[in-house]
Amino acid sequence: MDKTSIENPGFLHYRLEADALCLGERIRLGLFRPCLDVFTYTGLVGALKARFPHPYRRLHAVGRFLRDEPGVNVREIMTFSPRDRQREVSVIPLEIEYLANVRAEVFILKNDFTVNFPTRFTMRLGAMKSKGFGQCQMSRIDHVPFSTPQDGLLAVRIPDDPQAHNEIGVRKVQSPIYGYLFQPETGGTGHYVRALFEGSHVVADPILLQQEANS
């Protein structure tokens, strides 16, 4: 165990790069599937657990898109015609929104497990992986210690879980905006959990806040 994981708690700061990323909650109906402009906690943690499987280790991760680089995180539309395998015909085409030339930063809670993550690695994130989406290159930038909690608006979507809040730096929820996140489980199953959505008024570590709110 690396003692620095205890002596210097905080987050491992990674840069995420991807050619194309399709983020969104599961949609059963509808011909247009929009892409989120915010990372979900469950999506990031699920991708990291798939990349570094360990049934007994608790992981926390949040991310935010970079806004100050030109030509990045551009919204595009792909028309996709899924096939009915029994009848061997294409069904009504779907329009799927995705982000191209993705640049973002991801913060992984530092502990005796995550501190041993490699400096560079790849992981798969989001939907449409079988179509080539979601291949992410992760590059560690540095370690970011916890900062003094500040009053502001949440920039991420995180489960409404007091234990998770305490561990990642949410100290008080002033005015929540609730929604639901899909929590994947083994075998392709999962369930929905109540979550705090972006825009919730909280007192939290500045990493979790909208940048304009804590500038």
C-alpha atoms as a PDB file:
ATOM      1  CA  MET A   1       0.000   0.000   0.000  1.00  0.00           C
ATOM      2  CA  ASP A   2       1.257   3.473  -0.912  1.00  0.00           C
ATOM      3  CA  LYS A   3       1.237   5.562   2.277  1.00  0.00           C
ATOM      4  CA  THR A   4       0.698   8.734   0.264  1.00  0.00           C
ATOM      5  CA  SER A   5      -2.858   7.555  -0.390  1.00  0.00           C
ATOM      6  CA  ILE A   6      -3.553   8.153   3.303  1.00  0.00           C
ATOM      7  CA  GLU A   7      -1.176  11.014   4.030  1.00  0.00           C
ATOM      8  CA  ASN A   8      -2.324  13.102   1.035  1.00  0.00           C
ATOM      9  CA  PRO A   9      -5.977  12.275   0.349  1.00  0.00           C
ATOM     10  CA  GLY A  10      -7.755  13.870  -2.549  1.00  0.00           C
ATOM     11  CA  PHE A  11      -8.169  13.059  -6.230  1.00  0.00           C
ATOM     12  CA  LEU A  12      -6.052  11.624  -9.013  1.00  0.00           C
ATOM     13  CA  HIS A  13      -6.423  14.077 -11.892  1.00  0.00           C
ATOM     14  CA  TYR A  14      -6.577  12.527 -15.377  1.00  0.00           C
ATOM     15  CA  ARG A  15      -7.038  13.979 -18.850  1.00  0.00           C
ATOM     16  CA  LEU A  16      -9.557  12.064 -20.967  1.00  0.00           C
ATOM     17  CA  GLU A  17      -9.374  12.066 -24.771  1.00  0.00           C
ATOM     18  CA  ALA A  18     -11.708  10.231 -27.169  1.00  0.00           C
ATOM     19  CA  ASP A  19     -12.570  10.449 -30.857  1.00  0.00           C
ATOM     20  CA  ALA A  20     -16.291   9.981 -30.210  1.00  0.00           C
ATOM     21  CA  LEU A  21     -18.359   9.594 -27.063  1.00  0.00           C
ATOM     22  CA  CYS A  22     -22.055   8.821 -26.718  1.00  0.00           C
ATOM     23  CA  LEU A  23     -23.370   9.563 -23.225  1.00  0.00           C
ATOM     24  CA  GLY A  24     -26.956   9.167 -22.150  1.00  0.00           C
ATOM     25  CA  GLU A  25     -29.375   7.295 -19.983  1.00  0.00           C
ATOM     26  CA  ARG A  26     -31.096   4.231 -21.416  1.00  0.00           C
ATOM     27  CA  ILE A  27     -33.973   5.080 -23.740  1.00  0.00           C
ATOM     28  CA  ARG A  28     -36.442   2.406 -24.811  1.00  0.00           C
ATOM     29  CA  LEU A  29     -38.519   4.499 -27.188  1.00  0.00           C
ATOM     30  CA  GLY A  30     -37.908   7.538 -29.366  1.00  0.00           C
ATOM     31  CA  LEU A  31     -36.132   8.008 -32.674  1.00  0.00           C
ATOM     32  CA  PHE A  32     -33.732  10.709 -31.480  1.00  0.00           C
ATOM     33  CA  ARG A  33     -31.315   9.920 -28.686  1.00  0.00           C
ATOM     34  CA  PRO A  34     -29.584  13.012 -27.271  1.00  0.00           C
ATOM     35  CA  CYS A  35     -26.122  13.032 -25.724  1.00  0.00           C
ATOM     36  CA  LEU A  36     -25.535  14.393 -22.248  1.00  0.00           C
ATOM     37  CA  ASP A  37     -23.181  17.330 -21.788  1.00  0.00           C
ATOM     38  CA  VAL A  38     -22.301  16.181 -18.283  1.00  0.00           C
ATOM     39  CA  PHE A  39     -20.587  13.057 -16.984  1.00  0.00           C
ATOM     40  CA  THR A  40     -22.524  10.707 -14.726  1.00  0.00           C
ATOM     41  CA  TYR A  41     -20.895   9.207 -11.668  1.00  0.00           C
ATOM     42  CA  THR A  42     -22.328   5.766 -12.429  1.00  0.00           C
ATOM     43  CA  GLY A  43     -21.008   5.830 -15.994  1.00  0.00           C
ATOM     44  CA  LEU A  44     -17.469   6.764 -14.986  1.00  0.00           C
ATOM     45  CA  VAL A  45     -17.317   4.391 -12.033  1.00  0.00           C
ATOM     46  CA  GLY A  46     -18.773   1.571 -14.132  1.00  0.00           C
ATOM     47  CA  ALA A  47     -16.129   2.115 -16.832  1.00  0.00           C
ATOM     48  CA  LEU A  48     -13.323   2.152 -14.266  1.00  0.00           C
ATOM     49  CA  LYS A  49     -14.603  -0.986 -12.558  1.00  0.00           C
ATOM     50  CA  ALA A  50     -14.711  -2.764 -15.913  1.00  0.00           C
ATOM     51  CA  ARG A  51     -11.123  -1.667 -16.589  1.00  0.00           C
ATOM     52  CA  PHE A  52      -9.830  -2.459 -13.091  1.00  0.00           C
ATOM     53  CA  PRO A  53     -12.150  -5.168 -11.746  1.00  0.00           C
ATOM     54  CA  HIS A  54     -12.103  -5.790  -8.005  1.00  0.00           C
ATOM     55  CA  PRO A  55     -15.298  -6.852  -6.200  1.00  0.00           C
ATOM     56  CA  TYR A  56     -14.328  -5.425  -2.820  1.00  0.00           C
ATOM     57  CA  ARG A  57     -12.916  -2.030  -3.698  1.00  0.00           C
ATOM     58  CA  ARG A  58     -14.972   1.138  -3.533  1.00  0.00           C
ATOM     59  CA  LEU A  59     -14.422   3.608  -6.367  1.00  0.00           C
ATOM     60  CA  HIS A  60     -15.490   7.232  -6.753  1.00  0.00           C
ATOM     61  CA  ALA A  61     -14.993   9.341  -9.875  1.00  0.00           C
ATOM     62  CA  VAL A  62     -16.361  12.537 -11.376  1.00  0.00           C
ATOM     63  CA  GLY A  63     -15.568  14.316 -14.625  1.00  0.00           C
ATOM     64  CA  ARG A  64     -16.172  17.510 -16.528  1.00  0.00           C
ATOM     65  CA  PHE A  65     -15.696  18.546 -20.135  1.00  0.00           C
ATOM     66  CA  LEU A  66     -13.033  21.105 -21.006  1.00  0.00           C
ATOM     67  CA  ARG A  67     -14.585  24.301 -22.320  1.00  0.00           C
ATOM     68  CA  ASP A  68     -11.549  26.454 -23.109  1.00  0.00           C
ATOM     69  CA  GLU A  69     -10.019  24.460 -25.988  1.00  0.00           C
ATOM     70  CA  PRO A  70     -11.235  25.320 -29.527  1.00  0.00           C
ATOM     71  CA  GLY A  71     -12.756  22.615 -31.683  1.00  0.00           C
ATOM     72  CA  VAL A  72     -13.360  20.098 -28.913  1.00  0.00           C
ATOM     73  CA  ASN A  73     -16.525  18.361 -27.674  1.00  0.00           C
ATOM     74  CA  VAL A  74     -18.388  19.072 -30.903  1.00  0.00           C
ATOM     75  CA  ARG A  75     -21.934  17.721 -31.184  1.00  0.00           C
ATOM     76  CA  GLU A  76     -22.554  15.454 -34.175  1.00  0.00           C
ATOM     77  CA  ILE A  77     -25.444  13.276 -35.371  1.00  0.00           C
ATOM     78  CA  MET A  78     -25.187   9.685 -36.587  1.00  0.00           C
ATOM     79  CA  THR A  79     -28.066   7.885 -38.313  1.00  0.00           C
ATOM     80  CA  PHE A  80     -28.177   4.265 -37.253  1.00  0.00           C
ATOM     81  CA  SER A  81     -30.497   1.570 -38.630  1.00  0.00           C
ATOM     82  CA  PRO A  82     -30.609  -1.379 -36.223  1.00  0.00           C
ATOM     83  CA  ARG A  83     -31.515  -4.757 -37.693  1.00  0.00           C
ATOM     84  CA  ASP A  84     -34.231  -7.170 -36.660  1.00  0.00           C
ATOM     85  CA  ARG A  85     -32.153 -10.336 -36.450  1.00  0.00           C
ATOM     86  CA  GLN A  86     -35.124 -12.679 -36.713  1.00  0.00           C
ATOM     87  CA  ARG A  87     -36.491 -11.111 -39.895  1.00  0.00           C
ATOM     88  CA  GLU A  88     -33.078  -9.962 -41.204  1.00  0.00           C
ATOM     89  CA  VAL A  89     -34.371  -6.498 -42.069  1.00  0.00           C
ATOM     90  CA  SER A  90     -33.489  -2.996 -40.920  1.00  0.00           C
ATOM     91  CA  VAL A  91     -35.978  -1.257 -38.644  1.00  0.00           C
ATOM     92  CA  ILE A  92     -36.809   2.451 -38.401  1.00  0.00           C
ATOM     93  CA  PRO A  93     -33.519   4.382 -38.272  1.00  0.00           C
ATOM     94  CA  LEU A  94     -32.425   6.211 -35.136  1.00  0.00           C
ATOM     95  CA  GLU A  95     -30.624   9.514 -34.911  1.00  0.00           C
ATOM     96  CA  ILE A  96     -27.967   9.349 -32.230  1.00  0.00           C
ATOM     97  CA  GLU A  97     -26.223  12.446 -30.958  1.00  0.00           C
ATOM     98  CA  TYR A  98     -22.611  12.141 -29.838  1.00  0.00           C
ATOM     99  CA  LEU A  99     -19.585  14.262 -28.979  1.00  0.00           C
ATOM    100  CA  ALA A 100     -16.592  14.299 -31.312  1.00  0.00           C
ATOM    101  CA  ASN A 101     -12.984  15.217 -30.479  1.00  0.00           C
ATOM    102  CA  VAL A 102     -13.677  14.810 -26.781  1.00  0.00           C
ATOM    103  CA  ARG A 103     -11.424  16.478 -24.238  1.00  0.00           C
ATOM    104  CA  ALA A 104     -12.260  16.282 -20.547  1.00  0.00           C
ATOM    105  CA  GLU A 105     -10.788  15.863 -17.098  1.00  0.00           C
ATOM    106  CA  VAL A 106     -11.602  13.063 -14.685  1.00  0.00           C
ATOM    107  CA  PHE A 107     -11.004  13.071 -10.937  1.00  0.00           C
ATOM    108  CA  ILE A 108     -10.685   9.670  -9.260  1.00  0.00           C
ATOM    109  CA  LEU A 109     -10.810   9.542  -5.476  1.00  0.00           C
ATOM    110  CA  LYS A 110      -7.374   8.555  -4.237  1.00  0.00           C
ATOM    111  CA  ASN A 111      -7.085   5.524  -1.974  1.00  0.00           C
ATOM    112  CA  ASP A 112      -4.827   2.493  -1.532  1.00  0.00           C
ATOM    113  CA  PHE A 113      -6.415   0.875  -4.616  1.00  0.00           C
ATOM    114  CA  THR A 114      -6.630   3.729  -7.110  1.00  0.00           C
ATOM    115  CA  VAL A 115      -3.187   5.143  -6.272  1.00  0.00           C
ATOM    116  CA  ASN A 116      -1.773   2.152  -8.145  1.00  0.00           C
ATOM    117  CA  PHE A 117      -3.680   2.919 -11.355  1.00  0.00           C
ATOM    118  CA  PRO A 118      -1.229   3.370 -14.261  1.00  0.00           C
ATOM    119  CA  THR A 119      -0.216   6.793 -15.471  1.00  0.00           C
ATOM    120  CA  ARG A 120      -1.741   5.983 -18.879  1.00  0.00           C
ATOM    121  CA  PHE A 121      -4.510   3.554 -19.716  1.00  0.00           C
ATOM    122  CA  THR A 122      -7.527   3.080 -21.963  1.00  0.00           C
ATOM    123  CA  MET A 123     -11.109   2.393 -20.968  1.00  0.00           C
ATOM    124  CA  ARG A 124     -14.493   2.121 -22.675  1.00  0.00           C
ATOM    125  CA  LEU A 125     -17.195   4.607 -21.703  1.00  0.00           C
ATOM    126  CA  GLY A 126     -20.753   5.333 -22.770  1.00  0.00           C
ATOM    127  CA  ALA A 127     -23.027   3.741 -25.359  1.00  0.00           C
ATOM    128  CA  MET A 128     -22.563   2.352 -28.887  1.00  0.00           C
ATOM    129  CA  LYS A 129     -19.274   0.647 -27.989  1.00  0.00           C
ATOM    130  CA  SER A 130     -19.854  -2.014 -30.638  1.00  0.00           C
ATOM    131  CA  LYS A 131     -19.930   0.784 -33.242  1.00  0.00           C
ATOM    132  CA  GLY A 132     -16.545   2.166 -32.258  1.00  0.00           C
ATOM    133  CA  PHE A 133     -17.643   4.768 -29.727  1.00  0.00           C
ATOM    134  CA  GLY A 134     -16.261   5.290 -26.254  1.00  0.00           C
ATOM    135  CA  GLN A 135     -12.585   4.364 -26.544  1.00  0.00           C
ATOM    136  CA  CYS A 136     -10.981   6.752 -24.045  1.00  0.00           C
ATOM    137  CA  GLN A 137      -7.306   7.515 -23.526  1.00  0.00           C
ATOM    138  CA  MET A 138      -6.558   8.426 -19.924  1.00  0.00           C
ATOM    139  CA  SER A 139      -3.394  10.314 -18.952  1.00  0.00           C
ATOM    140  CA  ARG A 140      -2.609  11.262 -15.368  1.00  0.00           C
ATOM    141  CA  ILE A 141      -1.824  14.917 -14.811  1.00  0.00           C
ATOM    142  CA  ASP A 142      -1.265  15.185 -11.080  1.00  0.00           C
ATOM    143  CA  HIS A 143      -2.711  14.666  -7.618  1.00  0.00           C
ATOM    144  CA  VAL A 144      -5.206  17.234  -6.351  1.00  0.00           C
ATOM    145  CA  PRO A 145      -5.640  17.411  -2.557  1.00  0.00           C
ATOM    146  CA  PHE A 146      -8.985  18.204  -1.004  1.00  0.00           C
ATOM    147  CA  SER A 147      -9.735  21.917  -0.836  1.00  0.00           C
ATOM    148  CA  THR A 148     -11.876  23.982   1.504  1.00  0.00           C
ATOM    149  CA  PRO A 149     -15.541  23.327   0.614  1.00  0.00           C
ATOM    150  CA  GLN A 150     -17.237  26.183  -1.204  1.00  0.00           C
ATOM    151  CA  ASP A 151     -20.805  27.256  -1.846  1.00  0.00           C
ATOM    152  CA  GLY A 152     -21.810  26.733  -5.475  1.00  0.00           C
ATOM    153  CA  LEU A 153     -23.675  24.760  -8.112  1.00  0.00           C
ATOM    154  CA  LEU A 154     -22.936  21.105  -8.726  1.00  0.00           C
ATOM    155  CA  ALA A 155     -21.225  20.354 -12.058  1.00  0.00           C
ATOM    156  CA  VAL A 156     -21.706  16.573 -12.015  1.00  0.00           C
ATOM    157  CA  ARG A 157     -24.364  13.927 -11.422  1.00  0.00           C
ATOM    158  CA  ILE A 158     -23.753  11.871  -8.278  1.00  0.00           C
ATOM    159  CA  PRO A 159     -25.861   9.365  -6.317  1.00  0.00           C
ATOM    160  CA  ASP A 160     -27.921  10.788  -3.469  1.00  0.00           C
ATOM    161  CA  ASP A 161     -25.898   8.736  -1.002  1.00  0.00           C
ATOM    162  CA  PRO A 162     -24.638  10.344   2.230  1.00  0.00           C
ATOM    163  CA  GLN A 163     -21.643   8.003   2.418  1.00  0.00           C
ATOM    164  CA  ALA A 164     -20.582   8.832  -1.146  1.00  0.00           C
ATOM    165  CA  HIS A 165     -21.166  12.539  -0.478  1.00  0.00           C
ATOM    166  CA  ASN A 166     -18.894  12.460   2.550  1.00  0.00           C
ATOM    167  CA  GLU A 167     -16.132  10.572   0.737  1.00  0.00           C
ATOM    168  CA  ILE A 168     -15.966  12.791  -2.358  1.00  0.00           C
ATOM    169  CA  GLY A 169     -16.386  16.119  -0.582  1.00  0.00           C
ATOM    170  CA  VAL A 170     -20.053  17.159  -0.553  1.00  0.00           C
ATOM    171  CA  ARG A 171     -20.574  18.734   2.851  1.00  0.00           C
ATOM    172  CA  LYS A 172     -24.095  20.172   2.589  1.00  0.00           C
ATOM    173  CA  VAL A 173     -26.964  20.051   0.111  1.00  0.00           C
ATOM    174  CA  GLN A 174     -28.671  23.446   0.100  1.00  0.00           C
ATOM    175  CA  SER A 175     -31.171  23.116  -2.746  1.00  0.00           C
ATOM    176  CA  PRO A 176     -31.180  19.765  -4.568  1.00  0.00           C
ATOM    177  CA  ILE A 177     -32.195  18.943  -8.121  1.00  0.00           C
ATOM    178  CA  TYR A 178     -33.078  15.262  -8.113  1.00  0.00           C
ATOM    179  CA  GLY A 179     -33.063  12.772 -10.935  1.00  0.00           C
ATOM    180  CA  TYR A 180     -32.167   9.125 -11.481  1.00  0.00           C
ATOM    181  CA  LEU A 181     -29.026   7.379 -12.702  1.00  0.00           C
ATOM    182  CA  PHE A 182     -28.807   3.852 -14.041  1.00  0.00           C
ATOM    183  CA  GLN A 183     -26.568   1.766 -11.767  1.00  0.00           C
ATOM    184  CA  PRO A 184     -25.148  -1.158 -13.799  1.00  0.00           C
ATOM    185  CA  GLU A 185     -24.621  -4.546 -12.204  1.00  0.00           C
ATOM    186  CA  THR A 186     -22.972  -7.750 -13.307  1.00  0.00           C
ATOM    187  CA  GLY A 187     -24.506  -9.711 -16.159  1.00  0.00           C
ATOM    188  CA  GLY A 188     -25.785  -6.652 -18.004  1.00  0.00           C
ATOM    189  CA  THR A 189     -28.479  -5.872 -15.429  1.00  0.00           C
ATOM    190  CA  GLY A 190     -28.893  -2.863 -13.185  1.00  0.00           C
ATOM    191  CA  HIS A 191     -31.271  -0.561 -11.387  1.00  0.00           C
ATOM    192  CA  TYR A 192     -31.965   3.157 -11.037  1.00  0.00           C
ATOM    193  CA  VAL A 193     -30.784   5.169  -8.052  1.00  0.00           C
ATOM    194  CA  ARG A 194     -31.815   8.654  -7.005  1.00  0.00           C
ATOM    195  CA  ALA A 195     -29.150  11.226  -7.744  1.00  0.00           C
ATOM    196  CA  LEU A 196     -28.218  14.861  -7.319  1.00  0.00           C
ATOM    197  CA  PHE A 197     -28.078  16.496 -10.753  1.00  0.00           C
ATOM    198  CA  GLU A 198     -25.971  19.358 -12.022  1.00  0.00           C
ATOM    199  CA  GLY A 199     -27.231  22.738 -10.867  1.00  0.00           C
ATOM    200  CA  SER A 200     -27.953  21.529  -7.329  1.00  0.00           C
ATOM    201  CA  HIS A 201     -26.921  24.165  -4.785  1.00  0.00           C
ATOM    202  CA  VAL A 202     -24.351  22.562  -2.485  1.00  0.00           C
ATOM    203  CA  VAL A 203     -21.353  23.193  -0.279  1.00  0.00           C
ATOM    204  CA  ALA A 204     -18.626  20.962  -1.684  1.00  0.00           C
ATOM    205  CA  ASP A 205     -15.048  20.594  -2.850  1.00  0.00           C
ATOM    206  CA  PRO A 206     -14.468  23.066  -5.741  1.00  0.00           C
ATOM    207  CA  ILE A 207     -13.711  20.148  -8.096  1.00  0.00           C
ATOM    208  CA  LEU A 208     -17.390  19.215  -7.958  1.00  0.00           C
ATOM    209  CA  LEU A 209     -18.672  22.714  -8.708  1.00  0.00           C
ATOM    210  CA  GLN A 210     -19.421  24.567 -11.910  1.00  0.00           C
ATOM    211  CA  GLN A 211     -16.331  26.605 -12.660  1.00  0.00           C
ATOM    212  CA  GLU A 212     -18.195  29.873 -13.140  1.00  0.00           C
ATOM    213  CA  ALA A 213     -19.726  29.397  -9.685  1.00  0.00           C
ATOM    214  CA  ASN A 214     -16.396  29.167  -7.904  1.00  0.00           C
ATOM    215  CA  SER A 215     -14.238  31.439 -10.038  1.00  0.00           C
END
